[in-house]
Each structure stands twice: as C-alpha cells, then as structure tokens.
Protein backbone atom coordinates (compact mmCIF):
# COMPACT_ATOMS: atom_id res chain seq x y z
CA MET A 1 45.07 152.57 95.15
CA THR A 2 48.27 154.11 96.49
CA LYS A 3 51.23 152.21 96.40
CA LEU A 4 50.87 153.33 100.48
CA ALA A 5 47.25 151.09 100.72
CA MET A 6 48.34 148.34 98.62
CA ALA A 7 51.46 147.82 100.71
CA LEU A 8 49.36 147.56 104.03
CA LEU A 9 46.79 145.89 103.02
CA VAL A 10 49.83 143.46 101.39
CA ALA A 11 50.62 144.15 105.31
CA ALA A 12 47.73 143.28 106.64
CA SER A 13 46.42 140.24 104.88
CA LEU A 14 50.46 138.67 106.57
CA PHE A 15 49.75 139.15 109.50
CA ALA A 16 45.87 138.13 109.36
CA ALA A 17 47.86 134.48 108.09
CA GLU A 18 50.19 133.97 110.20
CA ARG A 19 48.79 135.34 113.32
CA ALA A 20 47.44 132.06 114.91
CA VAL A 21 43.82 131.54 115.86
CA GLU A 22 43.02 130.36 118.81
CA PRO A 23 40.36 128.02 118.46
CA THR A 24 37.45 127.00 120.38
CA PHE A 25 37.89 123.27 120.69
CA LEU A 26 41.06 120.60 120.79
CA HIS A 27 39.87 117.55 119.88
CA ARG A 28 41.99 114.05 120.09
CA TYR A 29 42.30 110.97 117.95
CA VAL A 30 42.98 108.42 121.25
CA PRO A 31 44.35 105.71 119.30
CA ASP A 32 46.60 108.47 116.95
CA LEU A 33 48.29 109.81 120.48
CA ALA A 34 52.60 108.76 121.69
CA ALA A 35 53.11 108.06 125.57
CA LYS A 36 55.22 110.72 126.66
CA PRO A 37 57.65 111.18 129.36
CA ALA A 38 55.76 112.51 131.97
CA ASP A 39 55.75 112.10 136.54
CA VAL A 40 54.10 109.06 136.13
CA SER A 41 56.62 107.82 133.97
CA THR A 42 58.48 104.42 134.73
CA ASP A 43 60.01 101.34 132.99
CA THR A 44 56.41 99.52 133.54
CA CYS A 45 54.36 102.60 133.02
CA HIS A 46 53.40 105.05 130.51
CA TYR A 47 51.63 107.83 129.86
CA THR A 48 49.76 108.55 126.54
CA PRO A 49 48.84 112.51 127.58
CA ILE A 50 45.62 113.92 125.54
CA PHE A 51 44.46 117.42 126.78
CA GLY A 52 47.00 119.27 129.59
CA ALA A 53 50.28 119.43 130.38
CA SER A 54 52.58 116.95 128.05
CA ASP A 55 50.09 117.99 125.19
CA SER A 56 50.96 120.27 121.80
CA LEU A 57 48.58 122.38 122.41
CA THR A 58 47.63 123.45 125.61
CA SER A 59 46.57 127.95 125.23
CA ILE A 60 43.35 127.46 125.36
CA VAL A 61 43.32 124.72 128.58
CA LYS A 62 42.66 126.70 131.72
CA GLY A 63 41.75 125.02 134.19
CA VAL A 64 42.06 121.53 133.44
CA ALA A 65 46.20 120.32 134.63
CA ARG A 66 45.41 117.80 132.65
CA TYR A 67 44.12 114.84 130.86
CA GLY A 68 45.15 111.60 129.83
CA GLU A 69 45.36 108.20 129.94
CA MET A 70 47.91 105.59 131.85
CA LEU A 71 49.05 102.70 130.92
CA VAL A 72 50.76 100.11 133.67
CA ALA A 73 52.39 96.34 132.40
CA ALA A 74 51.97 93.30 133.78
CA GLN A 75 53.61 93.54 136.90
CA GLY A 76 54.45 96.85 136.59
CA ALA A 77 53.95 100.17 138.41
CA CYS A 78 54.01 104.06 138.35
CA ALA A 79 56.13 106.33 140.14
CA ARG A 80 53.24 108.11 143.11
CA VAL A 81 52.62 111.15 142.80
CA THR A 82 51.44 114.29 144.86
CA TYR A 83 50.51 117.89 143.51
CA PRO A 84 49.52 120.15 146.18
CA ALA A 85 47.70 122.29 144.12
CA GLU A 86 45.70 120.29 141.63
CA GLU A 87 42.81 117.18 142.30
CA GLN A 88 43.27 114.65 140.30
CA VAL A 89 40.63 111.71 139.20
CA TYR A 90 41.48 108.47 137.51
CA VAL A 91 38.23 106.55 135.97
CA ILE A 92 39.97 102.42 135.24
CA LEU A 93 38.85 101.99 131.59
CA GLU A 94 40.31 98.09 132.10
CA GLY A 95 42.27 95.97 133.87
CA THR A 96 43.00 95.81 137.62
CA GLY A 97 45.86 97.07 140.15
CA VAL A 98 46.07 97.86 143.56
CA LEU A 99 45.66 102.30 144.47
CA SER A 100 48.42 103.31 146.48
CA TYR A 101 46.26 106.43 148.47
CA GLY A 102 48.86 107.93 150.83
CA PRO A 103 49.82 104.53 154.12
CA GLU A 104 46.69 102.63 152.18
CA ARG A 105 47.26 100.54 149.58
CA VAL A 106 43.18 99.89 147.88
CA PRO A 107 42.88 96.96 145.02
CA ILE A 108 41.70 99.34 141.52
CA ARG A 109 39.24 96.60 138.99
CA THR A 110 37.22 97.83 135.92
CA ASN A 111 35.12 100.99 135.60
CA ASP A 112 35.60 102.22 139.53
CA PHE A 113 36.18 105.85 139.57
CA VAL A 114 38.27 107.61 142.43
CA TYR A 115 39.23 111.42 143.84
CA LEU A 116 42.64 112.18 144.51
CA PRO A 117 42.49 115.18 146.93
CA ALA A 118 45.71 117.51 146.25
CA GLY A 119 48.65 117.13 149.53
CA VAL A 120 47.50 113.34 149.01
CA LYS A 121 50.28 110.78 147.28
CA HIS A 122 49.09 108.15 145.41
CA GLY A 123 49.94 105.53 142.79
CA VAL A 124 48.97 102.68 140.79
CA SER A 125 50.67 99.50 140.71
CA ASN A 126 49.13 96.11 138.51
CA PRO A 127 50.56 92.91 140.02
CA SER A 128 47.97 91.21 137.45
CA ASP A 129 48.97 89.17 134.22
CA ARG A 130 47.44 92.19 132.28
CA PRO A 131 47.31 96.30 131.62
CA CYS A 132 46.37 98.23 133.83
CA ARG A 133 44.66 101.32 131.67
CA VAL A 134 43.49 104.87 133.08
CA LEU A 135 42.02 108.19 133.20
CA VAL A 136 44.00 110.28 134.47
CA MET A 137 41.82 113.57 134.56
CA GLY A 138 43.63 116.68 136.98
CA PHE A 139 41.65 120.52 137.83
CA LYS A 140 44.52 123.23 139.10
CA ILE A 141 42.69 124.60 143.01
CA PRO A 142 42.79 128.34 142.69
CA ALA A 143 45.99 129.60 144.45
CA GLY A 144 44.49 130.16 148.30
CA THR A 145 41.45 127.70 148.82
CA LYS A 146 42.71 126.02 151.42
CA THR A 147 41.31 122.22 150.99
CA THR A 148 41.22 119.18 153.19
CA PRO A 149 40.91 115.76 151.89
CA PRO A 150 38.28 113.85 152.23
CA PRO A 151 37.89 111.60 155.67
CA ARG A 152 38.02 108.24 153.61
CA LEU A 153 39.79 107.89 150.40
CA LEU A 154 36.03 108.02 147.22
CA LEU A 155 35.96 104.99 145.43
CA ALA A 156 32.86 103.87 144.20
CA ASN A 157 31.91 101.54 141.13
CA LEU A 158 30.40 102.62 137.62
CA ASP A 159 28.36 99.66 138.33
CA ASP A 160 27.01 100.66 141.58
CA VAL A 161 25.61 103.99 139.51
CA LYS A 162 21.96 104.73 138.59
CA LYS A 163 20.83 105.30 135.07
CA GLN A 164 18.25 107.98 134.33
CA THR A 165 17.04 111.47 133.08
CA VAL A 166 18.00 114.84 134.43
CA GLU A 167 15.42 117.18 134.14
CA GLY A 168 15.70 119.79 131.75
CA HIS A 169 17.65 117.29 128.74
CA PRO A 170 15.64 115.14 126.25
CA PRO A 171 15.08 111.61 127.39
CA SER A 172 16.52 109.78 124.85
CA VAL A 173 19.57 110.43 126.93
CA LEU A 174 20.51 108.77 130.12
CA TYR A 175 23.19 109.68 132.64
CA GLN A 176 25.26 108.56 135.74
CA LEU A 177 26.09 110.88 137.44
CA MET A 178 28.96 109.82 139.52
CA MET A 179 30.35 112.98 140.94
CA GLY A 180 30.23 116.36 141.69
CA ASP A 181 32.32 119.18 143.61
CA ARG A 182 31.92 119.14 147.45
CA ARG A 183 28.39 120.09 148.46
CA SER A 184 26.18 117.65 144.91
CA THR A 185 23.72 115.77 147.02
CA ARG A 186 22.68 113.80 143.58
CA ASP A 187 26.22 112.56 142.50
CA LYS A 188 28.12 109.36 143.48
CA LEU A 189 30.79 110.93 144.89
CA ALA A 190 30.44 115.11 146.55
CA ALA A 191 34.77 115.75 146.36
CA GLY A 192 35.28 118.62 143.86
CA TYR A 193 36.65 121.46 144.55
CA THR A 194 37.08 122.53 140.74
CA LEU A 195 35.88 119.31 139.50
CA THR A 196 31.81 119.63 138.82
CA SER A 197 30.14 116.99 137.55
CA LEU A 198 32.22 113.78 136.40
CA PHE A 199 29.49 111.39 133.65
CA ILE A 200 28.78 109.54 130.81
CA MET A 201 26.47 109.85 128.87
CA GLU A 202 24.26 106.69 127.25
CA PHE A 203 22.69 107.58 124.02
CA ALA A 204 19.37 105.63 122.42
CA PRO A 205 19.83 105.19 118.73
CA GLY A 206 18.53 109.28 117.57
CA GLY A 207 19.44 110.35 120.51
CA THR A 208 20.82 114.21 121.71
CA ASN A 209 21.66 116.08 124.92
CA PHE A 210 20.42 118.73 122.56
CA PRO A 211 23.68 121.74 121.52
CA HIS A 212 24.54 124.77 124.67
CA HIS A 213 27.09 126.09 125.90
CA HIS A 214 28.76 126.53 129.81
CA GLU A 215 29.44 129.42 130.82
CA THR A 216 31.38 128.77 133.99
CA GLU A 217 33.00 126.05 133.24
CA GLU A 218 34.96 123.61 130.34
CA GLU A 219 33.91 120.97 129.60
CA ILE A 220 35.37 117.82 128.06
CA TYR A 221 34.16 114.75 126.14
CA LEU A 222 35.32 111.51 125.46
CA VAL A 223 33.09 108.85 123.51
CA LEU A 224 33.47 104.84 124.50
CA GLU A 225 31.05 103.20 122.23
CA GLY A 226 28.91 103.81 119.63
CA ARG A 227 29.47 106.52 116.25
CA GLY A 228 27.35 110.38 115.78
CA GLU A 229 28.49 114.12 115.06
CA MET A 230 29.73 115.92 118.03
CA VAL A 231 29.44 119.40 117.75
CA ALA A 232 31.68 121.42 118.37
CA GLY A 233 31.07 125.34 117.84
CA GLY A 234 31.84 128.65 117.36
CA GLY A 235 31.04 130.49 120.93
CA MET A 236 28.14 131.95 122.70
CA ASP A 237 26.19 132.66 119.17
CA GLY A 238 25.19 129.26 119.11
CA VAL A 239 26.07 128.28 115.76
CA GLU A 240 26.60 124.05 114.94
CA GLY A 241 30.19 122.46 113.88
CA ARG A 242 28.96 119.56 113.34
CA HIS A 243 31.97 116.79 112.91
CA PRO A 244 31.43 112.68 113.03
CA ALA A 245 32.53 111.23 116.53
CA GLN A 246 33.46 107.76 117.04
CA ALA A 247 34.94 105.84 119.64
CA GLY A 248 38.53 107.29 120.61
CA ASP A 249 37.10 110.54 120.06
CA ALA A 250 38.43 113.61 122.41
CA TYR A 251 36.69 117.21 122.56
CA PHE A 252 37.73 119.94 124.97
CA PHE A 253 35.51 122.06 125.08
CA ARG A 254 37.24 125.81 126.10
CA LEU A 255 34.35 128.58 127.69
CA ASN A 256 31.23 129.32 126.58
CA CYS A 257 31.76 126.89 123.26
CA THR A 258 28.81 124.96 121.29
CA VAL A 259 28.69 121.55 122.52
CA GLY A 260 27.01 118.01 121.75
CA PHE A 261 26.46 115.11 120.27
CA TYR A 262 23.84 113.65 118.08
CA ASN A 263 23.84 109.99 117.95
CA SER A 264 23.71 108.07 114.80
CA ARG A 265 19.39 107.47 113.97
CA GLU A 266 20.94 103.19 112.62
CA PRO A 267 18.63 100.80 114.68
CA GLY A 268 20.30 99.61 118.29
CA ALA A 269 23.01 102.02 117.80
CA LYS A 270 24.22 102.95 121.67
CA ALA A 271 26.77 105.82 121.30
CA ARG A 272 28.09 107.04 125.32
CA ILE A 273 29.85 109.14 126.62
CA LEU A 274 32.34 110.21 130.12
CA ALA A 275 31.58 113.82 129.72
CA VAL A 276 33.27 116.02 133.07
CA ARG A 277 33.28 119.29 133.55
CA SER A 278 35.36 121.45 136.30
CA LEU A 279 35.13 125.42 136.71
CA PHE A 280 37.27 128.09 134.44
CA PRO A 281 40.35 130.56 137.34
CA GLY A 282 38.42 132.78 138.17
CA ALA A 283 34.39 131.72 137.60
CA GLU A 284 32.01 130.84 140.48
CA ARG A 285 29.96 128.29 141.10
C-alpha cells in the first residue's frame, strides 16, 4: 500500500469515527432528568424535557414539538401559553389542579387526559396541598393547515376508557384507546391533526405487542409500571435490539424504527406503557 493510500485510509477512518451517527431511537430514564427553563416555568412550576424542545438531542425528532413533565407545586401555577401551530395533550400523572382553557377554569385530576388545540391559551394551577404532575405532549401542525378548535373542551379520564384487545394484535395485550385523530370512531376522544393515537397497553406476563414499525408515524413509549425488554431496532430490516426496561424509561422511535415490548414472564408480572403516535412531517394518514 502506498503512503498516499495509507493516508487516505487513515483520514477516512478518522472521519467515520468523528461523524455523529444518527440513531433510530432515543432513550431517557425520566427520574434521572433535570428540570430546565421553559415557557411554562415559574417559581412554582418546573418543566423537565424528555424529548423535543429543551432536550439536548433533538435532531431526529421531527413532528413532535415537545414531550416532557411539568411539576406544579402545591399552591403553585404555571405560566399560561399558546401555540399557533402546535396541538398539545396533557395527561395528569399525579395530583389535582385547575386547567385554564381560554376563559374556562376546569378541575383536573389523576388520569385525566385533555386535548389542547392550536391557538387556545392554556395553563395549569394547583390550589391543593400536594404537587400536580403533568405529562406534556406537543405536535407540530404543518404550515398551511387550517385548524378549528373543537366546540367544547375535550377531556376524559382513563378510568372511563375500557380495556380491550385490538384486531391484529396478540391477546396478551389489552389496550385503552384514549385519543385519536379527528376522524376516529374507536377512541375515547377524536381530536388530532398531527396526533394519530394515544393509548395505554397493559401486558400480561410474557405478553408482547410483536415488534413492528410505522411507515408514516413517530412514536413514544413511556413505561408506567413493570419491567421487561424494550425493542428498539435499526429500521425496516426488522432487526430487534432488546433493551432492559423499567418504569420511568421513555423511548422515542423515529420513522421505520423497529418498536415493541416483551413483558417479564414472572408470575403476576404486569407492565403498562403509555404510547403516542404522530404523523411524520409530510406523511399522509
């Protein structure tokens, strides 16, 4: 090998080593994350980014504007916000509070989920003596999309959403179909422009939703309960990358990333995952 060829080989190796590899998925363990300043932040309201806005690595997150946790202290309140081109969903993970929705003030409690349309000012206050923990999800609405807020606030509670099997999926998983797009007829709430599906999966011991991928949607899993193996693979080749998962683990799956979950086989082992899917920019339903 000539000196020139050797030099070119070394240079190529160095370039490959320095080049940032764009991952097919992102993983965060939520209890280890720190709060950061955000537009909702006040002295009594703290936002912890998980994916999207204020997160350190957002290059592969395209249609999801933000995904994080908002903690409202006892007797505290968040700054009210409005987004002209972003629809949001709040899921109340813990506690109680009051949702400001335009001129309305609506009580909220654990397991409530609510759709917040683009252009409507909203915020959360907490008159109770315990913290209120809220999962915040935001989705970018494509430029030029004409949006119309629903005629009433779309709010429901998980306790009122039945558990069911879904056609084409194993019976070892029960689904609670919380929210879908505006044309949905199967979900509790039909709301989204970019959001396509918000649901909870409950896995029986040894249960799985079978690894798969989505050709038009990004997806996020948040493990609420239990432990098992998260499948986060390399893409359309179907290769399974299995990762130990426990409550508090959050995974973002980019377009065509292999995604799935295998629950523990231990007797009585139940796992619950909150999942949300949204359209990749430019994709059609």
